[in-house]
Amino acid sequence: VQPGGSLTLSCAASGNTLDKYTIGWIRQAPGKEREELP
């Protein structure tokens, strides 16, 4: 994607619905520490 643009990532669950879970996004950038997102 280009700088300034937008992106939507999806996380699809199987094996169970998500109503019993907390779901989070985490980013691992090159050379950087893992970062917890929302």
Full PDB file with SEQRES, HELIX, SHEET, SSBOND, CRYST1, ORIGX, SCALE, CONECT and MASTER records, all heavy atoms in Angstrom:
SEQRES   1 A   38  VAL GLN PRO GLY GLY SER LEU THR LEU SER CYS ALA ALA          
SEQRES   2 A   38  SER GLY ASN THR LEU ASP LYS TYR THR ILE GLY TRP ILE          
SEQRES   3 A   38  ARG GLN ALA PRO GLY LYS GLU ARG GLU GLU LEU PRO              
HELIX    1 AA1 LEU A   18  LYS A   20  5                                   3    
SHEET    1 AA1 2 ILE A  26  ARG A  27  0                                        
SHEET    2 AA1 2 GLU A  35  GLU A  36 -1                                        
CRYST1    1.000    1.000    1.000  90.00  90.00  90.00 P 1           1          
ORIGX1      1.000000  0.000000  0.000000        0.00000                         
ORIGX2      0.000000  1.000000  0.000000        0.00000                         
ORIGX3      0.000000  0.000000  1.000000        0.00000                         
SCALE1      1.000000  0.000000  0.000000        0.00000                         
SCALE2      0.000000  1.000000  0.000000        0.00000                         
SCALE3      0.000000  0.000000  1.000000        0.00000                         
ATOM      1  N   VAL A   1       0.838  -1.189   0.000  1.00  0.00           N  
ATOM      2  CA  VAL A   1       0.000   0.000   0.000  1.00  0.00           C  
ATOM      3  C   VAL A   1       0.875   1.243   0.000  1.00  0.00           C  
ATOM      4  O   VAL A   1       2.012   1.196   0.468  1.00  0.00           O  
ATOM      5  CB  VAL A   1      -0.962   0.030   1.202  1.00  0.00           C  
ATOM      6  CG1 VAL A   1      -2.020  -1.039   1.072  1.00  0.00           C  
ATOM      7  CG2 VAL A   1      -0.199  -0.146   2.500  1.00  0.00           C  
ATOM      8  N   GLN A   2       0.326   2.321  -0.507  1.00  0.00           N  
ATOM      9  CA  GLN A   2       1.079   3.569  -0.563  1.00  0.00           C  
ATOM     10  C   GLN A   2       0.935   4.352   0.728  1.00  0.00           C  
ATOM     11  O   GLN A   2      -0.100   4.258   1.411  1.00  0.00           O  
ATOM     12  CB  GLN A   2       0.597   4.413  -1.737  1.00  0.00           C  
ATOM     13  CG  GLN A   2       0.944   3.834  -3.090  1.00  0.00           C  
ATOM     14  CD  GLN A   2       0.663   4.799  -4.224  1.00  0.00           C  
ATOM     15  OE1 GLN A   2      -0.124   5.719  -4.087  1.00  0.00           O  
ATOM     16  NE2 GLN A   2       1.318   4.586  -5.351  1.00  0.00           N  
ATOM     17  N   PRO A   3       1.932   5.137   1.065  1.00  0.00           N  
ATOM     18  CA  PRO A   3       1.806   6.002   2.247  1.00  0.00           C  
ATOM     19  C   PRO A   3       0.594   6.921   2.106  1.00  0.00           C  
ATOM     20  O   PRO A   3       0.297   7.410   1.016  1.00  0.00           O  
ATOM     21  CB  PRO A   3       3.106   6.817   2.228  1.00  0.00           C  
ATOM     22  CG  PRO A   3       4.053   6.011   1.427  1.00  0.00           C  
ATOM     23  CD  PRO A   3       3.236   5.284   0.402  1.00  0.00           C  
ATOM     24  N   GLY A   4      -0.080   7.111   3.204  1.00  0.00           N  
ATOM     25  CA  GLY A   4      -1.271   7.939   3.194  1.00  0.00           C  
ATOM     26  C   GLY A   4      -2.543   7.187   2.881  1.00  0.00           C  
ATOM     27  O   GLY A   4      -3.647   7.707   3.091  1.00  0.00           O  
ATOM     28  N   GLY A   5      -2.415   5.978   2.408  1.00  0.00           N  
ATOM     29  CA  GLY A   5      -3.585   5.184   2.071  1.00  0.00           C  
ATOM     30  C   GLY A   5      -4.182   4.505   3.283  1.00  0.00           C  
ATOM     31  O   GLY A   5      -3.764   4.716   4.422  1.00  0.00           O  
ATOM     32  N   SER A   6      -5.187   3.683   3.013  1.00  0.00           N  
ATOM     33  CA  SER A   6      -5.874   2.941   4.071  1.00  0.00           C  
ATOM     34  C   SER A   6      -5.881   1.465   3.745  1.00  0.00           C  
ATOM     35  O   SER A   6      -5.780   1.068   2.581  1.00  0.00           O  
ATOM     36  CB  SER A   6      -7.317   3.437   4.220  1.00  0.00           C  
ATOM     37  OG  SER A   6      -7.358   4.775   4.625  1.00  0.00           O  
ATOM     38  N   LEU A   7      -6.059   0.685   4.777  1.00  0.00           N  
ATOM     39  CA  LEU A   7      -6.031  -0.766   4.631  1.00  0.00           C  
ATOM     40  C   LEU A   7      -6.921  -1.359   5.701  1.00  0.00           C  
ATOM     41  O   LEU A   7      -6.959  -0.856   6.836  1.00  0.00           O  
ATOM     42  CB  LEU A   7      -4.599  -1.264   4.802  1.00  0.00           C  
ATOM     43  CG  LEU A   7      -4.301  -2.736   4.556  1.00  0.00           C  
ATOM     44  CD1 LEU A   7      -4.383  -3.031   3.065  1.00  0.00           C  
ATOM     45  CD2 LEU A   7      -2.924  -3.089   5.080  1.00  0.00           C  
ATOM     46  N   THR A   8      -7.628  -2.422   5.335  1.00  0.00           N  
ATOM     47  CA  THR A   8      -8.407  -3.156   6.334  1.00  0.00           C  
ATOM     48  C   THR A   8      -7.961  -4.605   6.341  1.00  0.00           C  
ATOM     49  O   THR A   8      -8.034  -5.285   5.316  1.00  0.00           O  
ATOM     50  CB  THR A   8      -9.912  -3.075   6.053  1.00  0.00           C  
ATOM     51  OG1 THR A   8     -10.337  -1.704   6.119  1.00  0.00           O  
ATOM     52  CG2 THR A   8     -10.688  -3.871   7.094  1.00  0.00           C  
ATOM     53  N   LEU A   9      -7.500  -5.030   7.472  1.00  0.00           N  
ATOM     54  CA  LEU A   9      -7.120  -6.423   7.669  1.00  0.00           C  
ATOM     55  C   LEU A   9      -8.278  -7.183   8.290  1.00  0.00           C  
ATOM     56  O   LEU A   9      -9.031  -6.625   9.092  1.00  0.00           O  
ATOM     57  CB  LEU A   9      -5.896  -6.516   8.579  1.00  0.00           C  
ATOM     58  CG  LEU A   9      -4.653  -5.760   8.133  1.00  0.00           C  
ATOM     59  CD1 LEU A   9      -3.561  -5.891   9.187  1.00  0.00           C  
ATOM     60  CD2 LEU A   9      -4.170  -6.260   6.789  1.00  0.00           C  
ATOM     61  N   SER A  10      -8.414  -8.444   7.925  1.00  0.00           N  
ATOM     62  CA  SER A  10      -9.461  -9.296   8.481  1.00  0.00           C  
ATOM     63  C   SER A  10      -8.832 -10.461   9.224  1.00  0.00           C  
ATOM     64  O   SER A  10      -7.797 -10.978   8.819  1.00  0.00           O  
ATOM     65  CB  SER A  10     -10.366  -9.829   7.374  1.00  0.00           C  
ATOM     66  OG  SER A  10     -10.995  -8.786   6.680  1.00  0.00           O  
ATOM     67  N   CYS A  11      -9.494 -10.865  10.266  1.00  0.00           N  
ATOM     68  CA  CYS A  11      -9.086 -12.023  11.047  1.00  0.00           C  
ATOM     69  C   CYS A  11     -10.305 -12.928  11.158  1.00  0.00           C  
ATOM     70  O   CYS A  11     -11.253 -12.621  11.893  1.00  0.00           O  
ATOM     71  CB  CYS A  11      -8.608 -11.590  12.422  1.00  0.00           C  
ATOM     72  SG  CYS A  11      -8.261 -12.954  13.566  1.00  0.00           S  
ATOM     73  N   ALA A  12     -10.285 -14.009  10.401  1.00  0.00           N  
ATOM     74  CA  ALA A  12     -11.429 -14.917  10.367  1.00  0.00           C  
ATOM     75  C   ALA A  12     -11.198 -16.079  11.325  1.00  0.00           C  
ATOM     76  O   ALA A  12     -10.132 -16.701  11.308  1.00  0.00           O  
ATOM     77  CB  ALA A  12     -11.652 -15.433   8.953  1.00  0.00           C  
ATOM     78  N   ALA A  13     -12.208 -16.354  12.117  1.00  0.00           N  
ATOM     79  CA  ALA A  13     -12.115 -17.442  13.091  1.00  0.00           C  
ATOM     80  C   ALA A  13     -12.843 -18.674  12.586  1.00  0.00           C  
ATOM     81  O   ALA A  13     -13.882 -18.575  11.949  1.00  0.00           O  
ATOM     82  CB  ALA A  13     -12.709 -17.001  14.418  1.00  0.00           C  
ATOM     83  N   SER A  14     -12.308 -19.828  12.902  1.00  0.00           N  
ATOM     84  CA  SER A  14     -12.988 -21.093  12.640  1.00  0.00           C  
ATOM     85  C   SER A  14     -12.805 -21.988  13.857  1.00  0.00           C  
ATOM     86  O   SER A  14     -11.906 -21.785  14.662  1.00  0.00           O  
ATOM     87  CB  SER A  14     -12.446 -21.768  11.384  1.00  0.00           C  
ATOM     88  OG  SER A  14     -11.071 -22.059  11.534  1.00  0.00           O  
ATOM     89  N   GLY A  15     -13.683 -22.940  13.995  1.00  0.00           N  
ATOM     90  CA  GLY A  15     -13.613 -23.830  15.142  1.00  0.00           C  
ATOM     91  C   GLY A  15     -14.413 -23.350  16.323  1.00  0.00           C  
ATOM     92  O   GLY A  15     -14.704 -24.106  17.238  1.00  0.00           O  
ATOM     93  N   ASN A  16     -14.763 -22.071  16.326  1.00  0.00           N  
ATOM     94  CA  ASN A  16     -15.551 -21.497  17.406  1.00  0.00           C  
ATOM     95  C   ASN A  16     -15.892 -20.065  17.024  1.00  0.00           C  
ATOM     96  O   ASN A  16     -15.209 -19.452  16.201  1.00  0.00           O  
ATOM     97  CB  ASN A  16     -14.765 -21.495  18.717  1.00  0.00           C  
ATOM     98  CG  ASN A  16     -15.662 -21.695  19.927  1.00  0.00           C  
ATOM     99  OD1 ASN A  16     -16.849 -21.356  19.890  1.00  0.00           O  
ATOM    100  ND2 ASN A  16     -15.096 -22.228  20.993  1.00  0.00           N  
ATOM    101  N   THR A  17     -16.953 -19.551  17.587  1.00  0.00           N  
ATOM    102  CA  THR A  17     -17.244 -18.127  17.400  1.00  0.00           C  
ATOM    103  C   THR A  17     -16.447 -17.329  18.427  1.00  0.00           C  
ATOM    104  O   THR A  17     -15.899 -17.869  19.383  1.00  0.00           O  
ATOM    105  CB  THR A  17     -18.739 -17.838  17.545  1.00  0.00           C  
ATOM    106  OG1 THR A  17     -19.180 -18.326  18.820  1.00  0.00           O  
ATOM    107  CG2 THR A  17     -19.531 -18.528  16.442  1.00  0.00           C  
ATOM    108  N   LEU A  18     -16.407 -16.040  18.212  1.00  0.00           N  
ATOM    109  CA  LEU A  18     -15.516 -15.190  18.992  1.00  0.00           C  
ATOM    110  C   LEU A  18     -16.144 -14.639  20.264  1.00  0.00           C  
ATOM    111  O   LEU A  18     -15.496 -13.876  20.982  1.00  0.00           O  
ATOM    112  CB  LEU A  18     -15.025 -14.035  18.110  1.00  0.00           C  
ATOM    113  CG  LEU A  18     -14.181 -14.477  16.916  1.00  0.00           C  
ATOM    114  CD1 LEU A  18     -13.846 -13.277  16.043  1.00  0.00           C  
ATOM    115  CD2 LEU A  18     -12.914 -15.181  17.375  1.00  0.00           C  
ATOM    116  N   ASP A  19     -17.384 -15.010  20.558  1.00  0.00           N  
ATOM    117  CA  ASP A  19     -18.035 -14.394  21.710  1.00  0.00           C  
ATOM    118  C   ASP A  19     -17.464 -14.846  23.048  1.00  0.00           C  
ATOM    119  O   ASP A  19     -17.805 -14.283  24.082  1.00  0.00           O  
ATOM    120  CB  ASP A  19     -19.552 -14.622  21.654  1.00  0.00           C  
ATOM    121  CG  ASP A  19     -19.916 -16.081  21.481  1.00  0.00           C  
ATOM    122  OD1 ASP A  19     -19.054 -16.857  21.042  1.00  0.00           O  
ATOM    123  OD2 ASP A  19     -21.067 -16.438  21.766  1.00  0.00           O  
ATOM    124  N   LYS A  20     -16.589 -15.825  23.031  1.00  0.00           N  
ATOM    125  CA  LYS A  20     -15.956 -16.249  24.278  1.00  0.00           C  
ATOM    126  C   LYS A  20     -14.502 -15.794  24.363  1.00  0.00           C  
ATOM    127  O   LYS A  20     -13.756 -16.218  25.260  1.00  0.00           O  
ATOM    128  CB  LYS A  20     -16.007 -17.773  24.404  1.00  0.00           C  
ATOM    129  CG  LYS A  20     -17.400 -18.340  24.547  1.00  0.00           C  
ATOM    130  CD  LYS A  20     -17.365 -19.853  24.667  1.00  0.00           C  
ATOM    131  CE  LYS A  20     -18.743 -20.429  24.909  1.00  0.00           C  
ATOM    132  NZ  LYS A  20     -19.679 -20.132  23.803  1.00  0.00           N  
ATOM    133  N   TYR A  21     -14.113 -14.912  23.445  1.00  0.00           N  
ATOM    134  CA  TYR A  21     -12.712 -14.548  23.332  1.00  0.00           C  
ATOM    135  C   TYR A  21     -12.495 -13.040  23.289  1.00  0.00           C  
ATOM    136  O   TYR A  21     -13.374 -12.278  22.913  1.00  0.00           O  
ATOM    137  CB  TYR A  21     -12.108 -15.146  22.061  1.00  0.00           C  
ATOM    138  CG  TYR A  21     -12.124 -16.648  22.020  1.00  0.00           C  
ATOM    139  CD1 TYR A  21     -13.179 -17.323  21.423  1.00  0.00           C  
ATOM    140  CD2 TYR A  21     -11.088 -17.387  22.580  1.00  0.00           C  
ATOM    141  CE1 TYR A  21     -13.199 -18.704  21.378  1.00  0.00           C  
ATOM    142  CE2 TYR A  21     -11.107 -18.769  22.536  1.00  0.00           C  
ATOM    143  CZ  TYR A  21     -12.162 -19.423  21.936  1.00  0.00           C  
ATOM    144  OH  TYR A  21     -12.181 -20.790  21.900  1.00  0.00           O  
ATOM    145  N   THR A  22     -11.284 -12.688  23.664  1.00  0.00           N  
ATOM    146  CA  THR A  22     -10.740 -11.375  23.369  1.00  0.00           C  
ATOM    147  C   THR A  22      -9.839 -11.540  22.159  1.00  0.00           C  
ATOM    148  O   THR A  22      -9.054 -12.483  22.089  1.00  0.00           O  
ATOM    149  CB  THR A  22      -9.896 -10.859  24.550  1.00  0.00           C  
ATOM    150  OG1 THR A  22     -10.741 -10.652  25.675  1.00  0.00           O  
ATOM    151  CG2 THR A  22      -9.183  -9.579  24.181  1.00  0.00           C  
ATOM    152  N   ILE A  23      -9.963 -10.634  21.204  1.00  0.00           N  
ATOM    153  CA  ILE A  23      -9.141 -10.690  20.002  1.00  0.00           C  
ATOM    154  C   ILE A  23      -8.298  -9.424  19.925  1.00  0.00           C  
ATOM    155  O   ILE A  23      -8.798  -8.318  20.145  1.00  0.00           O  
ATOM    156  CB  ILE A  23     -10.008 -10.775  18.732  1.00  0.00           C  
ATOM    157  CG1 ILE A  23     -10.965 -11.949  18.808  1.00  0.00           C  
ATOM    158  CG2 ILE A  23      -9.108 -10.895  17.491  1.00  0.00           C  
ATOM    159  CD1 ILE A  23     -10.310 -13.289  18.898  1.00  0.00           C  
ATOM    160  N   GLY A  24      -7.055  -9.605  19.613  1.00  0.00           N  
ATOM    161  CA  GLY A  24      -6.173  -8.460  19.470  1.00  0.00           C  
ATOM    162  C   GLY A  24      -5.356  -8.550  18.199  1.00  0.00           C  
ATOM    163  O   GLY A  24      -5.226  -9.619  17.593  1.00  0.00           O  
ATOM    164  N   TRP A  25      -4.844  -7.415  17.781  1.00  0.00           N  
ATOM    165  CA  TRP A  25      -3.911  -7.352  16.664  1.00  0.00           C  
ATOM    166  C   TRP A  25      -2.542  -6.978  17.212  1.00  0.00           C  
ATOM    167  O   TRP A  25      -2.432  -6.130  18.107  1.00  0.00           O  
ATOM    168  CB  TRP A  25      -4.364  -6.322  15.635  1.00  0.00           C  
ATOM    169  CG  TRP A  25      -5.532  -6.768  14.810  1.00  0.00           C  
ATOM    170  CD1 TRP A  25      -6.856  -6.526  15.045  1.00  0.00           C  
ATOM    171  CD2 TRP A  25      -5.470  -7.522  13.599  1.00  0.00           C  
ATOM    172  NE1 TRP A  25      -7.620  -7.091  14.064  1.00  0.00           N  
ATOM    173  CE2 TRP A  25      -6.799  -7.719  13.154  1.00  0.00           C  
ATOM    174  CE3 TRP A  25      -4.436  -8.067  12.828  1.00  0.00           C  
ATOM    175  CZ2 TRP A  25      -7.110  -8.420  11.989  1.00  0.00           C  
ATOM    176  CZ3 TRP A  25      -4.749  -8.762  11.676  1.00  0.00           C  
ATOM    177  CH2 TRP A  25      -6.069  -8.929  11.269  1.00  0.00           C  
ATOM    178  N   ILE A  26      -1.537  -7.588  16.628  1.00  0.00           N  
ATOM    179  CA  ILE A  26      -0.159  -7.369  17.046  1.00  0.00           C  
ATOM    180  C   ILE A  26       0.682  -7.168  15.794  1.00  0.00           C  
ATOM    181  O   ILE A  26       0.467  -7.846  14.786  1.00  0.00           O  
ATOM    182  CB  ILE A  26       0.375  -8.587  17.835  1.00  0.00           C  
ATOM    183  CG1 ILE A  26      -0.490  -8.845  19.066  1.00  0.00           C  
ATOM    184  CG2 ILE A  26       1.828  -8.376  18.227  1.00  0.00           C  
ATOM    185  CD1 ILE A  26      -1.578  -9.871  18.867  1.00  0.00           C  
ATOM    186  N   ARG A  27       1.605  -6.247  15.856  1.00  0.00           N  
ATOM    187  CA  ARG A  27       2.468  -5.979  14.700  1.00  0.00           C  
ATOM    188  C   ARG A  27       3.915  -6.304  15.051  1.00  0.00           C  
ATOM    189  O   ARG A  27       4.407  -5.955  16.121  1.00  0.00           O  
ATOM    190  CB  ARG A  27       2.355  -4.506  14.294  1.00  0.00           C  
ATOM    191  CG  ARG A  27       3.278  -4.101  13.163  1.00  0.00           C  
ATOM    192  CD  ARG A  27       2.970  -2.693  12.687  1.00  0.00           C  
ATOM    193  NE  ARG A  27       3.245  -1.690  13.689  1.00  0.00           N  
ATOM    194  CZ  ARG A  27       2.742  -0.461  13.671  1.00  0.00           C  
ATOM    195  NH1 ARG A  27       1.922  -0.107  12.697  1.00  0.00           N  
ATOM    196  NH2 ARG A  27       3.064   0.408  14.606  1.00  0.00           N  
ATOM    197  N   GLN A  28       4.576  -6.944  14.100  1.00  0.00           N  
ATOM    198  CA  GLN A  28       6.005  -7.209  14.216  1.00  0.00           C  
ATOM    199  C   GLN A  28       6.686  -6.544  13.044  1.00  0.00           C  
ATOM    200  O   GLN A  28       6.574  -7.012  11.902  1.00  0.00           O  
ATOM    201  CB  GLN A  28       6.278  -8.715  14.202  1.00  0.00           C  
ATOM    202  CG  GLN A  28       7.757  -9.045  14.333  1.00  0.00           C  
ATOM    203  CD  GLN A  28       8.282  -8.707  15.704  1.00  0.00           C  
ATOM    204  OE1 GLN A  28       7.874  -9.291  16.702  1.00  0.00           O  
ATOM    205  NE2 GLN A  28       9.222  -7.766  15.765  1.00  0.00           N  
ATOM    206  N   ALA A  29       7.336  -5.428  13.311  1.00  0.00           N  
ATOM    207  CA  ALA A  29       8.047  -4.717  12.263  1.00  0.00           C  
ATOM    208  C   ALA A  29       9.495  -5.166  12.233  1.00  0.00           C  
ATOM    209  O   ALA A  29      10.047  -5.556  13.266  1.00  0.00           O  
ATOM    210  CB  ALA A  29       7.974  -3.214  12.519  1.00  0.00           C  
ATOM    211  N   PRO A  30      10.136  -5.098  11.080  1.00  0.00           N  
ATOM    212  CA  PRO A  30      11.533  -5.540  10.974  1.00  0.00           C  
ATOM    213  C   PRO A  30      12.428  -4.774  11.928  1.00  0.00           C  
ATOM    214  O   PRO A  30      12.418  -3.542  11.960  1.00  0.00           O  
ATOM    215  CB  PRO A  30      11.885  -5.228   9.516  1.00  0.00           C  
ATOM    216  CG  PRO A  30      10.587  -5.171   8.803  1.00  0.00           C  
ATOM    217  CD  PRO A  30       9.588  -4.649   9.789  1.00  0.00           C  
ATOM    218  N   GLY A  31      13.183  -5.520  12.718  1.00  0.00           N  
ATOM    219  CA  GLY A  31      14.140  -4.898  13.616  1.00  0.00           C  
ATOM    220  C   GLY A  31      13.548  -4.208  14.815  1.00  0.00           C  
ATOM    221  O   GLY A  31      14.257  -3.540  15.570  1.00  0.00           O  
ATOM    222  N   LYS A  32      12.255  -4.348  14.992  1.00  0.00           N  
ATOM    223  CA  LYS A  32      11.600  -3.683  16.126  1.00  0.00           C  
ATOM    224  C   LYS A  32      10.939  -4.697  17.042  1.00  0.00           C  
ATOM    225  O   LYS A  32      10.656  -5.831  16.654  1.00  0.00           O  
ATOM    226  CB  LYS A  32      10.559  -2.684  15.621  1.00  0.00           C  
ATOM    227  CG  LYS A  32      11.144  -1.524  14.849  1.00  0.00           C  
ATOM    228  CD  LYS A  32      10.062  -0.523  14.501  1.00  0.00           C  
ATOM    229  CE  LYS A  32      10.641   0.670  13.758  1.00  0.00           C  
ATOM    230  NZ  LYS A  32       9.593   1.669  13.408  1.00  0.00           N  
ATOM    231  N   GLU A  33      10.669  -4.246  18.238  1.00  0.00           N  
ATOM    232  CA  GLU A  33       9.976  -5.097  19.190  1.00  0.00           C  
ATOM    233  C   GLU A  33       8.519  -5.276  18.759  1.00  0.00           C  
ATOM    234  O   GLU A  33       7.919  -4.393  18.146  1.00  0.00           O  
ATOM    235  CB  GLU A  33      10.033  -4.457  20.580  1.00  0.00           C  
ATOM    236  CG  GLU A  33       9.546  -5.340  21.706  1.00  0.00           C  
ATOM    237  CD  GLU A  33       9.734  -4.663  23.059  1.00  0.00           C  
ATOM    238  OE1 GLU A  33      10.633  -3.825  23.180  1.00  0.00           O  
ATOM    239  OE2 GLU A  33       8.964  -4.981  23.971  1.00  0.00           O  
ATOM    240  N   ARG A  34       7.969  -6.404  19.083  1.00  0.00           N  
ATOM    241  CA  ARG A  34       6.561  -6.658  18.820  1.00  0.00           C  
ATOM    242  C   ARG A  34       5.710  -5.574  19.475  1.00  0.00           C  
ATOM    243  O   ARG A  34       5.988  -5.143  20.595  1.00  0.00           O  
ATOM    244  CB  ARG A  34       6.199  -8.021  19.397  1.00  0.00           C  
ATOM    245  CG  ARG A  34       4.819  -8.516  19.054  1.00  0.00           C  
ATOM    246  CD  ARG A  34       4.543  -9.794  19.797  1.00  0.00           C  
ATOM    247  NE  ARG A  34       4.040  -9.558  21.142  1.00  0.00           N  
ATOM    248  CZ  ARG A  34       3.926 -10.504  22.059  1.00  0.00           C  
ATOM    249  NH1 ARG A  34       4.322 -11.726  21.790  1.00  0.00           N  
ATOM    250  NH2 ARG A  34       3.438 -10.223  23.246  1.00  0.00           N  
ATOM    251  N   GLU A  35       4.697  -5.130  18.770  1.00  0.00           N  
ATOM    252  CA  GLU A  35       3.842  -4.066  19.283  1.00  0.00           C  
ATOM    253  C   GLU A  35       2.389  -4.522  19.334  1.00  0.00           C  
ATOM    254  O   GLU A  35       1.816  -4.933  18.328  1.00  0.00           O  
ATOM    255  CB  GLU A  35       3.951  -2.811  18.412  1.00  0.00           C  
ATOM    256  CG  GLU A  35       3.104  -1.651  18.925  1.00  0.00           C  
ATOM    257  CD  GLU A  35       3.244  -0.409  18.076  1.00  0.00           C  
ATOM    258  OE1 GLU A  35       3.789  -0.511  16.961  1.00  0.00           O  
ATOM    259  OE2 GLU A  35       2.797   0.668  18.537  1.00  0.00           O  
ATOM    260  N   GLU A  36       1.804  -4.423  20.500  1.00  0.00           N  
ATOM    261  CA  GLU A  36       0.390  -4.739  20.648  1.00  0.00           C  
ATOM    262  C   GLU A  36      -0.454  -3.569  20.131  1.00  0.00           C  
ATOM    263  O   GLU A  36      -0.248  -2.426  20.526  1.00  0.00           O  
ATOM    264  CB  GLU A  36       0.051  -5.017  22.111  1.00  0.00           C  
ATOM    265  CG  GLU A  36       0.217  -6.466  22.534  1.00  0.00           C  
ATOM    266  CD  GLU A  36       1.660  -6.954  22.547  1.00  0.00           C  
ATOM    267  OE1 GLU A  36       2.566  -6.128  22.386  1.00  0.00           O  
ATOM    268  OE2 GLU A  36       1.872  -8.154  22.724  1.00  0.00           O  
ATOM    269  N   LEU A  37      -1.383  -3.870  19.293  1.00  0.00           N  
ATOM    270  CA  LEU A  37      -2.288  -2.895  18.704  1.00  0.00           C  
ATOM    271  C   LEU A  37      -3.648  -3.035  19.399  1.00  0.00           C  
ATOM    272  O   LEU A  37      -3.712  -3.615  20.490  1.00  0.00           O  
ATOM    273  CB  LEU A  37      -2.343  -3.131  17.203  1.00  0.00           C  
ATOM    274  CG  LEU A  37      -0.991  -3.032  16.488  1.00  0.00           C  
ATOM    275  CD1 LEU A  37      -1.144  -3.367  15.007  1.00  0.00           C  
ATOM    276  CD2 LEU A  37      -0.370  -1.645  16.666  1.00  0.00           C  
ATOM    277  N   PRO A  38      -4.745  -2.537  18.841  1.00  0.00           N  
ATOM    278  CA  PRO A  38      -6.013  -2.604  19.553  1.00  0.00           C  
ATOM    279  C   PRO A  38      -6.500  -4.028  19.819  1.00  0.00           C  
ATOM    280  O   PRO A  38      -6.092  -4.976  19.160  1.00  0.00           O  
ATOM    281  CB  PRO A  38      -6.988  -1.884  18.627  1.00  0.00           C  
ATOM    282  CG  PRO A  38      -6.144  -1.011  17.793  1.00  0.00           C  
ATOM    283  CD  PRO A  38      -4.857  -1.742  17.614  1.00  0.00           C  
TER     284      PRO A  38                                                      
MASTER        0    0    0    1    2    0    0    6  283    1    0    3          
END                                                                             
